[in-house]
């Protein structure tokens, strides 16, 4: 299992993106820091809040080939260090998680609305019966 932590500034907050790859599964978690965090603060947060991180549902990930050339490896590391922003795979995983949550909330709202309508209908029926009884 590999984890990559990227801290970027997304107006107006500093945001941390944690990408986790485990074999063929890829998951992402998003953390909002607020003020610019120091390296030791990010590390401390990851150690303490590891259990509280909410990852997106797993997305299928293709395993990458490992380069054998050490110079190529250094170039790749330099590219990753210079890279800014969130990877498109992370954006996709976060958007899927956001859409799933939105669909879940929509279903819950609909269920509550139908339940409320049933309760109102039953209350009106009860009032009609009471009127006919002469209470």
N, C-alpha and C. Protein backbone atom coordinates (compact mmCIF):
# COMPACT_ATOMS: atom_id res chain seq x y z
N UNK A 1 0.86 -1.17 0.00
CA UNK A 1 0.00 0.00 0.00
C UNK A 1 0.90 1.23 0.00
N UNK A 2 0.62 2.13 -0.91
CA UNK A 2 1.37 3.38 -0.97
C UNK A 2 0.43 4.56 -0.78
N UNK A 3 0.92 5.57 -0.08
CA UNK A 3 0.14 6.78 0.13
C UNK A 3 0.95 7.97 -0.34
N UNK A 4 0.26 8.88 -1.00
CA UNK A 4 0.88 10.11 -1.44
C UNK A 4 0.07 11.27 -0.87
N UNK A 5 0.76 12.22 -0.26
CA UNK A 5 0.09 13.37 0.33
C UNK A 5 0.50 14.61 -0.46
N UNK A 6 -0.49 15.34 -0.94
CA UNK A 6 -0.25 16.58 -1.67
C UNK A 6 -0.99 17.70 -0.96
N UNK A 7 -0.26 18.76 -0.60
CA UNK A 7 -0.87 19.91 0.05
C UNK A 7 -0.83 21.07 -0.93
N UNK A 8 -2.00 21.61 -1.26
CA UNK A 8 -2.09 22.71 -2.23
C UNK A 8 -2.97 23.82 -1.66
N UNK A 9 -2.83 24.99 -2.26
CA UNK A 9 -3.65 26.13 -1.88
C UNK A 9 -4.81 26.24 -2.85
N UNK A 10 -6.02 26.00 -2.34
CA UNK A 10 -7.24 26.17 -3.14
C UNK A 10 -8.00 27.30 -2.47
N UNK A 11 -8.10 28.40 -3.16
CA UNK A 11 -8.66 29.63 -2.62
C UNK A 11 -9.89 29.36 -1.78
N UNK A 12 -10.04 29.71 -0.56
CA UNK A 12 -9.18 30.46 0.34
C UNK A 12 -8.44 29.59 1.36
N UNK A 13 -8.43 28.25 1.19
CA UNK A 13 -7.85 27.37 2.21
C UNK A 13 -6.71 26.52 1.65
N UNK A 14 -5.92 25.97 2.55
CA UNK A 14 -4.91 24.97 2.20
C UNK A 14 -5.58 23.61 2.32
N UNK A 15 -5.46 22.80 1.28
CA UNK A 15 -6.14 21.51 1.21
C UNK A 15 -5.10 20.41 1.04
N UNK A 16 -5.30 19.32 1.77
CA UNK A 16 -4.44 18.15 1.63
C UNK A 16 -5.20 17.04 0.92
N UNK A 17 -4.57 16.43 -0.07
CA UNK A 17 -5.16 15.31 -0.80
C UNK A 17 -4.30 14.08 -0.50
N UNK A 18 -4.93 13.04 0.04
CA UNK A 18 -4.21 11.80 0.34
C UNK A 18 -4.67 10.76 -0.66
N UNK A 19 -3.73 10.29 -1.49
CA UNK A 19 -4.02 9.27 -2.49
C UNK A 19 -3.46 7.94 -1.98
N UNK A 20 -4.28 6.92 -1.97
CA UNK A 20 -3.87 5.62 -1.47
C UNK A 20 -4.05 4.58 -2.56
N UNK A 21 -2.98 3.85 -2.88
CA UNK A 21 -3.03 2.80 -3.88
C UNK A 21 -2.69 1.49 -3.20
N UNK A 22 -3.57 0.53 -3.36
CA UNK A 22 -3.36 -0.78 -2.75
C UNK A 22 -3.60 -1.83 -3.83
N UNK A 23 -2.53 -2.24 -4.50
CA UNK A 23 -2.69 -3.21 -5.58
C UNK A 23 -3.45 -2.60 -6.74
N UNK A 24 -4.68 -3.05 -6.93
CA UNK A 24 -5.50 -2.57 -8.04
C UNK A 24 -6.57 -1.57 -7.60
N UNK A 25 -6.51 -1.14 -6.34
CA UNK A 25 -7.51 -0.20 -5.84
C UNK A 25 -6.87 1.16 -5.60
N UNK A 26 -7.62 2.22 -5.90
CA UNK A 26 -7.16 3.59 -5.73
C UNK A 26 -8.24 4.36 -4.97
N UNK A 27 -7.85 5.00 -3.87
CA UNK A 27 -8.80 5.76 -3.07
C UNK A 27 -8.19 7.11 -2.71
N UNK A 28 -9.08 8.10 -2.44
CA UNK A 28 -8.64 9.46 -2.17
C UNK A 28 -9.39 10.00 -0.96
N UNK A 29 -8.67 10.80 -0.15
CA UNK A 29 -9.30 11.52 0.96
C UNK A 29 -8.88 12.98 0.86
N UNK A 30 -9.76 13.87 1.30
CA UNK A 30 -9.50 15.30 1.23
C UNK A 30 -9.56 15.89 2.63
N UNK A 31 -8.56 16.74 2.94
CA UNK A 31 -8.50 17.38 4.25
C UNK A 31 -8.38 18.89 4.01
N UNK A 32 -9.15 19.68 4.74
CA UNK A 32 -9.03 21.13 4.66
C UNK A 32 -8.27 21.58 5.90
N UNK A 33 -7.09 22.20 5.69
CA UNK A 33 -6.26 22.64 6.80
C UNK A 33 -6.60 24.05 7.26
N UNK A 34 -7.02 24.91 6.38
CA UNK A 34 -7.26 26.30 6.73
C UNK A 34 -6.00 27.10 6.47
N UNK A 35 -5.25 27.41 7.53
CA UNK A 35 -3.99 28.15 7.38
C UNK A 35 -2.92 27.21 6.84
N UNK A 36 -1.85 27.79 6.28
CA UNK A 36 -0.79 26.97 5.68
C UNK A 36 -0.15 26.09 6.75
N UNK A 37 -0.20 24.75 6.57
CA UNK A 37 0.36 23.86 7.57
C UNK A 37 1.87 23.69 7.38
N UNK A 38 2.57 23.49 8.46
CA UNK A 38 4.00 23.17 8.41
C UNK A 38 4.13 21.67 8.14
N UNK A 39 5.32 21.25 7.70
CA UNK A 39 5.54 19.83 7.39
C UNK A 39 5.27 18.95 8.61
N UNK A 40 5.77 19.39 9.76
CA UNK A 40 5.59 18.57 10.96
C UNK A 40 4.12 18.52 11.37
N UNK A 41 3.33 19.57 11.07
CA UNK A 41 1.91 19.56 11.39
C UNK A 41 1.16 18.55 10.51
N UNK A 42 1.54 18.50 9.23
CA UNK A 42 0.92 17.53 8.32
C UNK A 42 1.25 16.11 8.77
N UNK A 43 2.51 15.89 9.11
CA UNK A 43 2.94 14.56 9.55
C UNK A 43 2.22 14.17 10.83
N UNK A 44 2.14 15.10 11.78
CA UNK A 44 1.46 14.83 13.04
C UNK A 44 -0.03 14.53 12.81
N UNK A 45 -0.66 15.30 11.90
CA UNK A 45 -2.06 15.06 11.58
C UNK A 45 -2.27 13.66 11.01
N UNK A 46 -1.37 13.27 10.09
CA UNK A 46 -1.50 11.95 9.47
C UNK A 46 -1.34 10.83 10.49
N UNK A 47 -0.46 11.03 11.45
CA UNK A 47 -0.28 10.01 12.48
C UNK A 47 -1.48 9.90 13.40
N UNK A 48 -2.04 11.03 13.78
CA UNK A 48 -3.14 11.03 14.74
C UNK A 48 -4.50 10.79 14.11
N UNK A 49 -4.73 11.32 12.92
CA UNK A 49 -6.07 11.29 12.32
C UNK A 49 -6.22 10.20 11.28
N UNK A 50 -5.31 9.25 11.25
CA UNK A 50 -5.36 8.21 10.24
C UNK A 50 -6.68 7.43 10.30
N UNK A 51 -7.19 7.19 11.46
CA UNK A 51 -8.44 6.43 11.63
C UNK A 51 -9.66 7.24 11.20
N UNK A 52 -9.56 8.58 11.30
CA UNK A 52 -10.71 9.44 11.00
C UNK A 52 -10.81 9.83 9.53
N UNK A 53 -9.82 9.48 8.72
CA UNK A 53 -9.84 9.86 7.31
C UNK A 53 -10.98 9.14 6.59
N UNK A 54 -11.73 9.87 5.81
CA UNK A 54 -12.84 9.29 5.04
C UNK A 54 -12.39 9.22 3.58
N UNK A 55 -12.14 8.01 3.13
CA UNK A 55 -11.67 7.82 1.76
C UNK A 55 -12.85 7.62 0.83
N UNK A 56 -12.64 7.97 -0.43
CA UNK A 56 -13.66 7.76 -1.46
C UNK A 56 -13.79 6.27 -1.73
N UNK A 57 -14.87 5.85 -2.38
CA UNK A 57 -14.98 4.45 -2.76
C UNK A 57 -13.82 4.08 -3.69
N UNK A 58 -13.40 2.82 -3.62
CA UNK A 58 -12.25 2.36 -4.39
C UNK A 58 -12.53 2.43 -5.89
N UNK A 59 -11.53 2.90 -6.62
CA UNK A 59 -11.58 2.99 -8.07
C UNK A 59 -10.51 2.05 -8.60
N UNK A 60 -10.78 1.42 -9.72
CA UNK A 60 -9.81 0.49 -10.28
C UNK A 60 -8.58 1.27 -10.75
N UNK A 61 -7.39 0.79 -10.35
CA UNK A 61 -6.14 1.46 -10.74
C UNK A 61 -5.24 0.47 -11.44
N UNK A 62 -4.58 0.93 -12.48
CA UNK A 62 -3.64 0.07 -13.19
C UNK A 62 -2.28 0.19 -12.53
N UNK A 63 -1.63 -0.93 -12.21
CA UNK A 63 -0.31 -0.84 -11.58
C UNK A 63 0.70 -0.24 -12.56
N UNK A 64 1.59 0.60 -12.02
CA UNK A 64 2.58 1.25 -12.85
C UNK A 64 3.84 0.39 -12.91
N UNK A 65 4.54 0.50 -14.03
CA UNK A 65 5.80 -0.21 -14.16
C UNK A 65 6.86 0.53 -13.35
N UNK A 66 7.70 -0.23 -12.68
CA UNK A 66 8.77 0.36 -11.89
C UNK A 66 10.00 0.49 -12.77
N UNK A 67 10.54 1.71 -12.84
CA UNK A 67 11.72 1.95 -13.67
C UNK A 67 12.96 1.41 -12.97
N UNK A 68 13.83 0.75 -13.73
CA UNK A 68 15.04 0.19 -13.15
C UNK A 68 16.20 1.17 -13.16
N UNK A 69 16.13 2.19 -13.99
CA UNK A 69 17.23 3.13 -14.15
C UNK A 69 17.19 4.17 -13.02
N UNK A 70 18.27 4.31 -12.23
CA UNK A 70 18.25 5.26 -11.11
C UNK A 70 18.14 6.72 -11.56
N UNK A 71 18.72 7.07 -12.71
CA UNK A 71 18.61 8.45 -13.19
C UNK A 71 17.16 8.77 -13.57
N UNK A 72 16.50 7.80 -14.21
CA UNK A 72 15.10 7.98 -14.57
C UNK A 72 14.27 8.15 -13.30
N UNK A 73 14.59 7.34 -12.30
CA UNK A 73 13.88 7.41 -11.02
C UNK A 73 14.04 8.81 -10.41
N UNK A 74 15.26 9.37 -10.46
CA UNK A 74 15.49 10.72 -9.94
C UNK A 74 14.69 11.76 -10.71
N UNK A 75 14.64 11.63 -12.02
CA UNK A 75 13.86 12.57 -12.84
C UNK A 75 12.38 12.49 -12.49
N UNK A 76 11.88 11.27 -12.32
CA UNK A 76 10.47 11.10 -11.96
C UNK A 76 10.17 11.71 -10.60
N UNK A 77 11.08 11.52 -9.65
CA UNK A 77 10.88 12.11 -8.32
C UNK A 77 10.87 13.63 -8.42
N UNK A 78 11.79 14.19 -9.22
CA UNK A 78 11.84 15.64 -9.40
C UNK A 78 10.55 16.15 -10.03
N UNK A 79 10.01 15.41 -11.00
CA UNK A 79 8.76 15.81 -11.64
C UNK A 79 7.61 15.81 -10.64
N UNK A 80 7.55 14.79 -9.79
CA UNK A 80 6.49 14.70 -8.80
C UNK A 80 6.60 15.86 -7.81
N UNK A 81 7.82 16.19 -7.43
CA UNK A 81 8.02 17.29 -6.48
C UNK A 81 7.61 18.63 -7.08
N UNK A 82 7.79 18.81 -8.38
CA UNK A 82 7.46 20.07 -9.04
C UNK A 82 5.99 20.15 -9.45
N UNK A 83 5.35 19.00 -9.51
CA UNK A 83 3.96 18.95 -9.94
C UNK A 83 3.08 19.71 -8.96
N UNK A 84 2.17 20.50 -9.49
CA UNK A 84 1.27 21.27 -8.64
C UNK A 84 -0.15 20.82 -8.90
N UNK A 85 -0.97 20.89 -7.87
CA UNK A 85 -2.39 20.57 -8.03
C UNK A 85 -2.68 19.10 -7.78
N UNK A 86 -3.92 18.75 -8.01
CA UNK A 86 -4.43 17.42 -7.75
C UNK A 86 -4.41 16.64 -9.05
N UNK A 87 -4.06 15.36 -8.96
CA UNK A 87 -4.06 14.54 -10.17
C UNK A 87 -5.48 14.34 -10.66
N UNK A 88 -5.63 14.10 -11.94
CA UNK A 88 -6.96 13.94 -12.50
C UNK A 88 -7.64 12.70 -11.94
N UNK A 89 -6.85 11.68 -11.60
CA UNK A 89 -7.42 10.47 -11.02
C UNK A 89 -8.02 10.80 -9.64
N UNK A 90 -7.32 11.64 -8.88
CA UNK A 90 -7.82 12.05 -7.57
C UNK A 90 -9.09 12.89 -7.73
N UNK A 91 -9.10 13.79 -8.70
CA UNK A 91 -10.28 14.61 -8.94
C UNK A 91 -11.47 13.74 -9.30
N UNK A 92 -11.23 12.74 -10.13
CA UNK A 92 -12.31 11.85 -10.55
C UNK A 92 -12.86 11.08 -9.36
N UNK A 93 -11.97 10.54 -8.53
CA UNK A 93 -12.41 9.78 -7.36
C UNK A 93 -13.19 10.65 -6.39
N UNK A 94 -12.72 11.88 -6.16
CA UNK A 94 -13.43 12.79 -5.26
C UNK A 94 -14.80 13.18 -5.82
N UNK A 95 -14.86 13.41 -7.12
CA UNK A 95 -16.16 13.79 -7.70
C UNK A 95 -17.14 12.62 -7.64
N UNK A 96 -16.66 11.40 -7.83
CA UNK A 96 -17.55 10.24 -7.72
C UNK A 96 -18.06 10.09 -6.30
N UNK A 97 -17.18 10.32 -5.32
CA UNK A 97 -17.61 10.24 -3.92
C UNK A 97 -18.63 11.32 -3.61
N UNK A 98 -18.41 12.53 -4.13
CA UNK A 98 -19.34 13.64 -3.91
C UNK A 98 -20.69 13.34 -4.55
N UNK A 99 -20.68 12.77 -5.76
CA UNK A 99 -21.93 12.43 -6.43
C UNK A 99 -22.68 11.34 -5.69
N UNK A 100 -21.95 10.35 -5.16
CA UNK A 100 -22.59 9.27 -4.41
C UNK A 100 -23.25 9.82 -3.15
N UNK A 101 -22.57 10.73 -2.47
CA UNK A 101 -23.14 11.34 -1.27
C UNK A 101 -24.37 12.17 -1.61
N UNK A 102 -24.30 12.90 -2.72
CA UNK A 102 -25.45 13.71 -3.14
C UNK A 102 -26.65 12.83 -3.47
N UNK A 103 -26.43 11.72 -4.15
CA UNK A 103 -27.53 10.80 -4.48
C UNK A 103 -28.14 10.20 -3.22
N UNK A 104 -27.27 9.87 -2.26
CA UNK A 104 -27.76 9.30 -0.99
C UNK A 104 -28.64 10.31 -0.26
N UNK A 105 -28.19 11.57 -0.19
CA UNK A 105 -28.98 12.60 0.48
C UNK A 105 -30.29 12.84 -0.25
N UNK A 106 -30.25 12.80 -1.59
CA UNK A 106 -31.47 13.01 -2.37
C UNK A 106 -32.48 11.91 -2.06
N UNK A 107 -32.02 10.66 -1.98
CA UNK A 107 -32.90 9.54 -1.66
C UNK A 107 -33.49 9.70 -0.26
N UNK A 108 -32.65 10.12 0.70
CA UNK A 108 -33.14 10.31 2.06
C UNK A 108 -34.20 11.40 2.13
N UNK A 109 -33.98 12.52 1.40
CA UNK A 109 -34.96 13.60 1.37
C UNK A 109 -36.29 13.12 0.81
N UNK A 110 -36.22 12.33 -0.27
CA UNK A 110 -37.44 11.84 -0.90
C UNK A 110 -38.20 10.92 0.06
N UNK A 111 -37.46 10.06 0.76
CA UNK A 111 -38.09 9.16 1.71
C UNK A 111 -38.77 9.94 2.83
N UNK A 112 -38.07 10.97 3.36
CA UNK A 112 -38.67 11.80 4.42
C UNK A 112 -39.92 12.51 3.91
N UNK A 113 -39.88 13.00 2.67
CA UNK A 113 -41.02 13.72 2.11
C UNK A 113 -42.24 12.80 1.98
N UNK A 114 -42.01 11.59 1.47
CA UNK A 114 -43.11 10.64 1.32
C UNK A 114 -43.67 10.28 2.69
N UNK A 115 -42.81 10.08 3.67
CA UNK A 115 -43.25 9.74 5.03
C UNK A 115 -44.08 10.87 5.62
N UNK A 116 -43.65 12.10 5.42
CA UNK A 116 -44.39 13.25 5.92
C UNK A 116 -45.76 13.36 5.25
N UNK A 117 -45.83 13.10 3.95
CA UNK A 117 -47.11 13.13 3.24
C UNK A 117 -48.06 12.07 3.79
N UNK A 118 -47.51 10.87 4.08
CA UNK A 118 -48.36 9.81 4.65
C UNK A 118 -48.91 10.24 6.01
N UNK A 119 -48.04 10.83 6.83
CA UNK A 119 -48.49 11.27 8.16
C UNK A 119 -49.57 12.33 8.05
N UNK A 120 -49.42 13.29 7.14
CA UNK A 120 -50.43 14.33 6.95
C UNK A 120 -51.76 13.73 6.47
N UNK A 121 -51.67 12.78 5.55
CA UNK A 121 -52.87 12.13 5.03
C UNK A 121 -53.60 11.40 6.16
N UNK A 122 -52.83 10.65 6.96
CA UNK A 122 -53.45 9.92 8.07
C UNK A 122 -54.08 10.87 9.08
N UNK A 123 -53.43 12.00 9.33
CA UNK A 123 -53.98 12.99 10.26
C UNK A 123 -55.29 13.57 9.73
N UNK A 124 -55.33 13.87 8.43
CA UNK A 124 -56.57 14.39 7.84
C UNK A 124 -57.69 13.35 7.91
N UNK A 125 -57.35 12.09 7.65
CA UNK A 125 -58.36 11.03 7.72
C UNK A 125 -58.90 10.89 9.15
N UNK A 126 -58.00 11.00 10.12
CA UNK A 126 -58.40 10.90 11.53
C UNK A 126 -59.34 12.06 11.89
N UNK A 127 -59.04 13.27 11.40
CA UNK A 127 -59.90 14.42 11.67
C UNK A 127 -61.28 14.23 11.05
N UNK A 128 -61.33 13.69 9.84
CA UNK A 128 -62.62 13.44 9.19
C UNK A 128 -63.47 12.47 9.99
N UNK A 129 -62.83 11.40 10.48
CA UNK A 129 -63.57 10.40 11.27
C UNK A 129 -64.09 11.02 12.57
N UNK A 130 -63.26 11.86 13.21
CA UNK A 130 -63.69 12.49 14.45
C UNK A 130 -64.87 13.44 14.22
N UNK A 131 -64.88 14.14 13.08
CA UNK A 131 -66.00 15.03 12.76
C UNK A 131 -67.29 14.24 12.61
N UNK A 132 -67.17 13.08 11.95
CA UNK A 132 -68.37 12.29 11.73
C UNK A 132 -68.90 11.67 13.01
N UNK A 133 -67.98 11.36 13.96
CA UNK A 133 -68.41 10.79 15.23
C UNK A 133 -69.10 11.81 16.11
N UNK A 134 -68.82 13.07 15.88
CA UNK A 134 -69.47 14.12 16.65
C UNK A 134 -68.70 14.49 17.91
N UNK A 135 -67.44 14.29 17.93
CA UNK A 135 -66.65 14.66 19.11
C UNK A 135 -66.38 16.12 19.16
